[in-house]
Amino acid sequence: MILDNRNHYLSCEQLPLEAEAIQVLDEHQDAIKKIKQINPGFVGAEMDASTCPGKADILFWYGSHKDRLLIEDIIASETFYGIPYRLENR
């Protein structure tokens, strides 16, 4: 199996505060919904604050390279509205 992941490689100090990530996710639920509709059940989004307490990024997970390309088309930026994100093929 070939994994098709993308990481931002930022340190904990470089990540935004968890509250900022929560706010961005809340404000952009329309984009999150659009991403999840790419392939329901096989595409999702979640905030990850487990690695760096008090700091967070966003994890988008997906089942295929095609899903990843569609996610990247929707986001169309190196960040998700200013929040670093990772892409994980599951």
C-alpha atoms as a PDB file:
ATOM      1  CA  MET A   1       0.000   0.000   0.000  1.00  0.00           C
ATOM      2  CA  ILE A   2       1.325   3.436  -0.908  1.00  0.00           C
ATOM      3  CA  LEU A   3       0.422   6.189   1.534  1.00  0.00           C
ATOM      4  CA  ASP A   4      -0.349   9.613   0.138  1.00  0.00           C
ATOM      5  CA  ASN A   5       0.146  11.927   3.114  1.00  0.00           C
ATOM      6  CA  ARG A   6       1.070  15.599   3.403  1.00  0.00           C
ATOM      7  CA  ASN A   7       2.526  17.139   6.557  1.00  0.00           C
ATOM      8  CA  HIS A   8       3.237  20.783   7.355  1.00  0.00           C
ATOM      9  CA  TYR A   9       6.318  19.944   9.497  1.00  0.00           C
ATOM     10  CA  LEU A  10       5.746  22.883  11.850  1.00  0.00           C
ATOM     11  CA  SER A  11       6.945  22.779  15.448  1.00  0.00           C
ATOM     12  CA  CYS A  12       4.540  23.152  18.363  1.00  0.00           C
ATOM     13  CA  GLU A  13       5.742  26.732  18.816  1.00  0.00           C
ATOM     14  CA  GLN A  14       4.725  27.532  15.234  1.00  0.00           C
ATOM     15  CA  LEU A  15       1.177  26.167  15.540  1.00  0.00           C
ATOM     16  CA  PRO A  16      -1.756  28.467  16.349  1.00  0.00           C
ATOM     17  CA  LEU A  17      -3.602  28.331  19.636  1.00  0.00           C
ATOM     18  CA  GLU A  18      -6.255  25.644  19.950  1.00  0.00           C
ATOM     19  CA  ALA A  19      -8.925  28.358  20.370  1.00  0.00           C
ATOM     20  CA  GLU A  20      -7.955  29.847  16.996  1.00  0.00           C
ATOM     21  CA  ALA A  21      -8.319  26.473  15.273  1.00  0.00           C
ATOM     22  CA  ILE A  22     -11.724  25.941  16.897  1.00  0.00           C
ATOM     23  CA  GLN A  23     -12.867  29.377  15.740  1.00  0.00           C
ATOM     24  CA  VAL A  24     -11.746  28.780  12.142  1.00  0.00           C
ATOM     25  CA  LEU A  25     -13.454  25.379  12.034  1.00  0.00           C
ATOM     26  CA  ASP A  26     -16.669  26.902  13.421  1.00  0.00           C
ATOM     27  CA  GLU A  27     -16.582  29.808  10.960  1.00  0.00           C
ATOM     28  CA  HIS A  28     -15.941  27.617   7.916  1.00  0.00           C
ATOM     29  CA  GLN A  29     -18.320  24.704   8.411  1.00  0.00           C
ATOM     30  CA  ASP A  30     -19.518  25.185   4.830  1.00  0.00           C
ATOM     31  CA  ALA A  31     -16.045  24.278   3.512  1.00  0.00           C
ATOM     32  CA  ILE A  32     -15.749  21.366   5.974  1.00  0.00           C
ATOM     33  CA  LYS A  33     -19.134  20.049   4.824  1.00  0.00           C
ATOM     34  CA  LYS A  34     -18.084  20.361   1.174  1.00  0.00           C
ATOM     35  CA  ILE A  35     -14.875  18.435   1.898  1.00  0.00           C
ATOM     36  CA  LYS A  36     -16.717  15.669   3.759  1.00  0.00           C
ATOM     37  CA  GLN A  37     -19.150  15.326   0.833  1.00  0.00           C
ATOM     38  CA  ILE A  38     -16.287  14.416  -1.516  1.00  0.00           C
ATOM     39  CA  ASN A  39     -16.587  10.788  -0.432  1.00  0.00           C
ATOM     40  CA  PRO A  40     -18.880  10.402   2.606  1.00  0.00           C
ATOM     41  CA  GLY A  41     -17.512   8.003   5.184  1.00  0.00           C
ATOM     42  CA  PHE A  42     -14.076   8.003   3.552  1.00  0.00           C
ATOM     43  CA  VAL A  43     -13.235  11.720   3.926  1.00  0.00           C
ATOM     44  CA  GLY A  44     -13.244  13.694   7.155  1.00  0.00           C
ATOM     45  CA  ALA A  45     -11.794  16.594   9.089  1.00  0.00           C
ATOM     46  CA  GLU A  46     -10.794  17.027  12.703  1.00  0.00           C
ATOM     47  CA  MET A  47      -8.792  19.372  14.851  1.00  0.00           C
ATOM     48  CA  ASP A  48      -5.690  17.830  16.419  1.00  0.00           C
ATOM     49  CA  ALA A  49      -4.538  19.307  19.726  1.00  0.00           C
ATOM     50  CA  SER A  50      -3.193  16.048  21.126  1.00  0.00           C
ATOM     51  CA  THR A  51       0.420  16.445  20.011  1.00  0.00           C
ATOM     52  CA  CYS A  52       0.969  20.016  21.228  1.00  0.00           C
ATOM     53  CA  PRO A  53      -1.184  20.917  24.271  1.00  0.00           C
ATOM     54  CA  GLY A  54      -2.802  24.320  23.821  1.00  0.00           C
ATOM     55  CA  LYS A  55      -1.868  24.405  20.133  1.00  0.00           C
ATOM     56  CA  ALA A  56      -3.618  22.781  17.178  1.00  0.00           C
ATOM     57  CA  ASP A  57      -3.728  22.027  13.495  1.00  0.00           C
ATOM     58  CA  ILE A  58      -6.354  20.437  11.282  1.00  0.00           C
ATOM     59  CA  LEU A  59      -6.212  16.892   9.999  1.00  0.00           C
ATOM     60  CA  PHE A  60      -8.048  15.988   6.810  1.00  0.00           C
ATOM     61  CA  TRP A  61      -8.224  12.243   6.172  1.00  0.00           C
ATOM     62  CA  TYR A  62      -9.261  10.466   3.005  1.00  0.00           C
ATOM     63  CA  GLY A  63      -9.269   7.121   1.255  1.00  0.00           C
ATOM     64  CA  SER A  64      -7.732   7.769  -2.153  1.00  0.00           C
ATOM     65  CA  HIS A  65      -5.401  10.063  -4.071  1.00  0.00           C
ATOM     66  CA  LYS A  66      -8.397  11.361  -5.994  1.00  0.00           C
ATOM     67  CA  ASP A  67     -10.026  12.385  -2.682  1.00  0.00           C
ATOM     68  CA  ARG A  68      -6.835  14.201  -1.692  1.00  0.00           C
ATOM     69  CA  LEU A  69      -6.732  16.159  -4.946  1.00  0.00           C
ATOM     70  CA  LEU A  70     -10.346  17.246  -4.478  1.00  0.00           C
ATOM     71  CA  ILE A  71      -9.656  18.312  -0.869  1.00  0.00           C
ATOM     72  CA  GLU A  72      -6.672  20.359  -2.034  1.00  0.00           C
ATOM     73  CA  ASP A  73      -8.813  21.973  -4.755  1.00  0.00           C
ATOM     74  CA  ILE A  74     -11.386  23.073  -2.164  1.00  0.00           C
ATOM     75  CA  ILE A  75      -8.785  24.413   0.279  1.00  0.00           C
ATOM     76  CA  ALA A  76      -6.695  26.015  -2.499  1.00  0.00           C
ATOM     77  CA  SER A  77      -4.093  27.291  -0.021  1.00  0.00           C
ATOM     78  CA  GLU A  78      -1.152  26.171   2.098  1.00  0.00           C
ATOM     79  CA  THR A  79      -3.361  26.672   5.189  1.00  0.00           C
ATOM     80  CA  PHE A  80      -7.042  26.209   5.972  1.00  0.00           C
ATOM     81  CA  TYR A  81      -8.045  29.846   6.527  1.00  0.00           C
ATOM     82  CA  GLY A  82      -4.761  30.473   8.340  1.00  0.00           C
ATOM     83  CA  ILE A  83      -4.606  27.171  10.238  1.00  0.00           C
ATOM     84  CA  PRO A  84      -1.924  24.652   9.207  1.00  0.00           C
ATOM     85  CA  TYR A  85      -3.332  21.347   8.024  1.00  0.00           C
ATOM     86  CA  ARG A  86      -2.175  17.815   7.364  1.00  0.00           C
ATOM     87  CA  LEU A  87      -3.540  15.309   4.853  1.00  0.00           C
ATOM     88  CA  GLU A  88      -3.625  11.653   5.861  1.00  0.00           C
ATOM     89  CA  ASN A  89      -4.458   8.721   3.626  1.00  0.00           C
ATOM     90  CA  ARG A  90      -6.290   6.153   5.761  1.00  0.00           C
END
